[in-house]
Amino acid sequence: MAKKNKKNIVYSTNPDYAFEYDDEEVMKTLPPKQQILKVMIDKKQRKGKAVTLVAGFVGNEEDLKDLGKLLKSKCGVGGSVKDGEILIQGDHRDKIIEILNKEDYKTKRVGG
């Protein structure tokens, strides 16, 4: 459930005043067949250690976290979900592409 953010009002003399809430649009998750996920290796700023990045997911944060959890458990490694990307520790491109294809996601291998 999304939190409703109140504007900073300390006191109002109007007895009929109602707080205005900031409405955030909830992003709908596209079905897997309509998504193209990019799977790549990244070593930048990680002391030379490779991580597999999955980018291009269109949807809400909860569905992205669920997909990240699935990939981490299937690969048997750690990882995280940050800034709309899934980071999986190690070079698991082939395995992740295979898992995503079984889940009906379209994948694109980026890089070498």
C-alpha atoms as a PDB file:
ATOM      1  CA  MET A   1       0.000   0.000   0.000  1.00  0.00           C
ATOM      2  CA  ALA A   2       1.442   3.354  -1.004  1.00  0.00           C
ATOM      3  CA  LYS A   3       1.966   5.975   1.658  1.00  0.00           C
ATOM      4  CA  LYS A   4       0.105   9.239   1.220  1.00  0.00           C
ATOM      5  CA  ASN A   5       2.389  12.207   1.647  1.00  0.00           C
ATOM      6  CA  LYS A   6       0.857  15.191   3.410  1.00  0.00           C
ATOM      7  CA  LYS A   7       2.039  18.628   2.476  1.00  0.00           C
ATOM      8  CA  ASN A   8       3.753  20.515   5.268  1.00  0.00           C
ATOM      9  CA  ILE A   9       0.860  22.324   6.945  1.00  0.00           C
ATOM     10  CA  VAL A  10       1.205  23.161  10.582  1.00  0.00           C
ATOM     11  CA  TYR A  11      -2.099  24.874  11.203  1.00  0.00           C
ATOM     12  CA  SER A  12      -5.142  25.906   9.205  1.00  0.00           C
ATOM     13  CA  THR A  13      -7.886  28.269  10.354  1.00  0.00           C
ATOM     14  CA  ASN A  14     -10.354  26.849   7.846  1.00  0.00           C
ATOM     15  CA  PRO A  15     -12.547  24.230   9.600  1.00  0.00           C
ATOM     16  CA  ASP A  16     -13.442  22.638   6.247  1.00  0.00           C
ATOM     17  CA  TYR A  17      -9.839  22.267   5.086  1.00  0.00           C
ATOM     18  CA  ALA A  18      -8.846  18.822   3.860  1.00  0.00           C
ATOM     19  CA  PHE A  19      -5.273  17.736   3.342  1.00  0.00           C
ATOM     20  CA  GLU A  20      -4.182  17.297  -0.244  1.00  0.00           C
ATOM     21  CA  TYR A  21      -2.261  14.128  -0.884  1.00  0.00           C
ATOM     22  CA  ASP A  22       0.413  13.639  -3.508  1.00  0.00           C
ATOM     23  CA  ASP A  23      -0.939  11.030  -5.854  1.00  0.00           C
ATOM     24  CA  GLU A  24       1.745   8.762  -7.222  1.00  0.00           C
ATOM     25  CA  GLU A  25       0.934   6.752 -10.270  1.00  0.00           C
ATOM     26  CA  VAL A  26       1.378   3.045  -9.695  1.00  0.00           C
ATOM     27  CA  MET A  27       3.300   1.594 -12.595  1.00  0.00           C
ATOM     28  CA  LYS A  28       1.619  -1.455 -14.052  1.00  0.00           C
ATOM     29  CA  THR A  29       3.817  -4.421 -14.813  1.00  0.00           C
ATOM     30  CA  LEU A  30       3.827  -5.498 -18.428  1.00  0.00           C
ATOM     31  CA  PRO A  31       3.236  -9.184 -19.144  1.00  0.00           C
ATOM     32  CA  PRO A  32       6.465 -11.179 -19.600  1.00  0.00           C
ATOM     33  CA  LYS A  33       5.906 -11.688 -23.340  1.00  0.00           C
ATOM     34  CA  GLN A  34       5.901  -7.905 -23.892  1.00  0.00           C
ATOM     35  CA  GLN A  35       9.140  -7.251 -22.008  1.00  0.00           C
ATOM     36  CA  ILE A  36      12.662  -7.346 -23.402  1.00  0.00           C
ATOM     37  CA  LEU A  37      15.240  -7.769 -20.641  1.00  0.00           C
ATOM     38  CA  LYS A  38      18.910  -7.001 -21.270  1.00  0.00           C
ATOM     39  CA  VAL A  39      21.355  -9.383 -19.590  1.00  0.00           C
ATOM     40  CA  MET A  40      24.955  -8.168 -19.276  1.00  0.00           C
ATOM     41  CA  ILE A  41      28.164  -8.493 -17.246  1.00  0.00           C
ATOM     42  CA  ASP A  42      29.500  -5.556 -15.257  1.00  0.00           C
ATOM     43  CA  LYS A  43      32.848  -5.219 -13.465  1.00  0.00           C
ATOM     44  CA  LYS A  44      32.940  -1.460 -13.007  1.00  0.00           C
ATOM     45  CA  GLN A  45      33.479  -0.216  -9.451  1.00  0.00           C
ATOM     46  CA  ARG A  46      33.323  -3.743  -8.069  1.00  0.00           C
ATOM     47  CA  LYS A  47      37.057  -4.380  -7.504  1.00  0.00           C
ATOM     48  CA  GLY A  48      37.215  -6.556 -10.629  1.00  0.00           C
ATOM     49  CA  LYS A  49      34.490  -8.953  -9.530  1.00  0.00           C
ATOM     50  CA  ALA A  50      31.838  -9.721 -12.118  1.00  0.00           C
ATOM     51  CA  VAL A  51      28.122  -9.287 -11.573  1.00  0.00           C
ATOM     52  CA  THR A  52      25.326 -10.130 -13.962  1.00  0.00           C
ATOM     53  CA  LEU A  53      22.944  -7.229 -14.562  1.00  0.00           C
ATOM     54  CA  VAL A  54      19.363  -7.643 -15.738  1.00  0.00           C
ATOM     55  CA  ALA A  55      17.958  -4.322 -16.972  1.00  0.00           C
ATOM     56  CA  GLY A  56      14.907  -3.138 -18.898  1.00  0.00           C
ATOM     57  CA  PHE A  57      12.151  -4.406 -16.588  1.00  0.00           C
ATOM     58  CA  VAL A  58       8.945  -2.395 -16.940  1.00  0.00           C
ATOM     59  CA  GLY A  59       6.768  -2.630 -13.871  1.00  0.00           C
ATOM     60  CA  ASN A  60       6.420  -1.943 -10.194  1.00  0.00           C
ATOM     61  CA  GLU A  61       9.147  -2.474  -7.604  1.00  0.00           C
ATOM     62  CA  GLU A  62       7.493  -5.497  -5.959  1.00  0.00           C
ATOM     63  CA  ASP A  63       7.386  -7.510  -9.184  1.00  0.00           C
ATOM     64  CA  LEU A  64      11.018  -6.614  -9.875  1.00  0.00           C
ATOM     65  CA  LYS A  65      12.007  -7.815  -6.395  1.00  0.00           C
ATOM     66  CA  ASP A  66      10.081 -11.061  -6.936  1.00  0.00           C
ATOM     67  CA  LEU A  67      11.914 -11.661 -10.218  1.00  0.00           C
ATOM     68  CA  GLY A  68      15.232 -10.883  -8.526  1.00  0.00           C
ATOM     69  CA  LYS A  69      14.441 -13.346  -5.753  1.00  0.00           C
ATOM     70  CA  LEU A  70      13.603 -16.032  -8.304  1.00  0.00           C
ATOM     71  CA  LEU A  71      16.868 -15.501 -10.193  1.00  0.00           C
ATOM     72  CA  LYS A  72      18.967 -15.480  -7.017  1.00  0.00           C
ATOM     73  CA  SER A  73      17.412 -18.711  -5.768  1.00  0.00           C
ATOM     74  CA  LYS A  74      17.718 -20.503  -9.136  1.00  0.00           C
ATOM     75  CA  CYS A  75      21.383 -19.477  -9.493  1.00  0.00           C
ATOM     76  CA  GLY A  76      22.156 -20.181  -5.839  1.00  0.00           C
ATOM     77  CA  VAL A  77      23.989 -16.893  -5.325  1.00  0.00           C
ATOM     78  CA  GLY A  78      23.431 -13.514  -3.715  1.00  0.00           C
ATOM     79  CA  GLY A  79      22.397 -10.312  -5.358  1.00  0.00           C
ATOM     80  CA  SER A  80      20.196  -7.265  -5.033  1.00  0.00           C
ATOM     81  CA  VAL A  81      17.649  -5.097  -6.766  1.00  0.00           C
ATOM     82  CA  LYS A  82      18.708  -1.455  -7.159  1.00  0.00           C
ATOM     83  CA  ASP A  83      17.676   1.398  -9.444  1.00  0.00           C
ATOM     84  CA  GLY A  84      15.401  -0.769 -11.573  1.00  0.00           C
ATOM     85  CA  GLU A  85      18.120  -3.386 -12.185  1.00  0.00           C
ATOM     86  CA  ILE A  86      18.717  -6.851 -10.815  1.00  0.00           C
ATOM     87  CA  LEU A  87      22.322  -7.569  -9.783  1.00  0.00           C
ATOM     88  CA  ILE A  88      23.341 -11.219  -9.488  1.00  0.00           C
ATOM     89  CA  GLN A  89      26.799 -12.023  -8.114  1.00  0.00           C
ATOM     90  CA  GLY A  90      29.049 -13.784 -10.609  1.00  0.00           C
ATOM     91  CA  ASP A  91      28.878 -14.527 -14.324  1.00  0.00           C
ATOM     92  CA  HIS A  92      25.550 -16.329 -14.761  1.00  0.00           C
ATOM     93  CA  ARG A  93      24.395 -14.871 -18.084  1.00  0.00           C
ATOM     94  CA  ASP A  94      23.589 -18.153 -19.800  1.00  0.00           C
ATOM     95  CA  LYS A  95      21.710 -19.566 -16.831  1.00  0.00           C
ATOM     96  CA  ILE A  96      19.738 -16.345 -16.293  1.00  0.00           C
ATOM     97  CA  ILE A  97      18.792 -16.125 -19.978  1.00  0.00           C
ATOM     98  CA  GLU A  98      17.574 -19.728 -19.817  1.00  0.00           C
ATOM     99  CA  ILE A  99      15.515 -19.056 -16.661  1.00  0.00           C
ATOM    100  CA  LEU A 100      13.984 -15.871 -18.087  1.00  0.00           C
ATOM    101  CA  ASN A 101      13.088 -17.618 -21.349  1.00  0.00           C
ATOM    102  CA  LYS A 102      11.279 -20.344 -19.369  1.00  0.00           C
ATOM    103  CA  GLU A 103       9.325 -17.568 -17.609  1.00  0.00           C
ATOM    104  CA  ASP A 104       8.301 -16.207 -21.083  1.00  0.00           C
ATOM    105  CA  TYR A 105      10.510 -13.095 -20.943  1.00  0.00           C
ATOM    106  CA  LYS A 106      12.281 -12.013 -24.108  1.00  0.00           C
ATOM    107  CA  THR A 107      15.990 -11.546 -23.467  1.00  0.00           C
ATOM    108  CA  LYS A 108      18.828  -9.810 -25.207  1.00  0.00           C
ATOM    109  CA  ARG A 109      22.452 -10.627 -24.428  1.00  0.00           C
ATOM    110  CA  VAL A 110      24.440  -7.387 -24.260  1.00  0.00           C
ATOM    111  CA  GLY A 111      28.225  -7.301 -24.448  1.00  0.00           C
ATOM    112  CA  GLY A 112      30.795 -10.048 -25.060  1.00  0.00           C
END
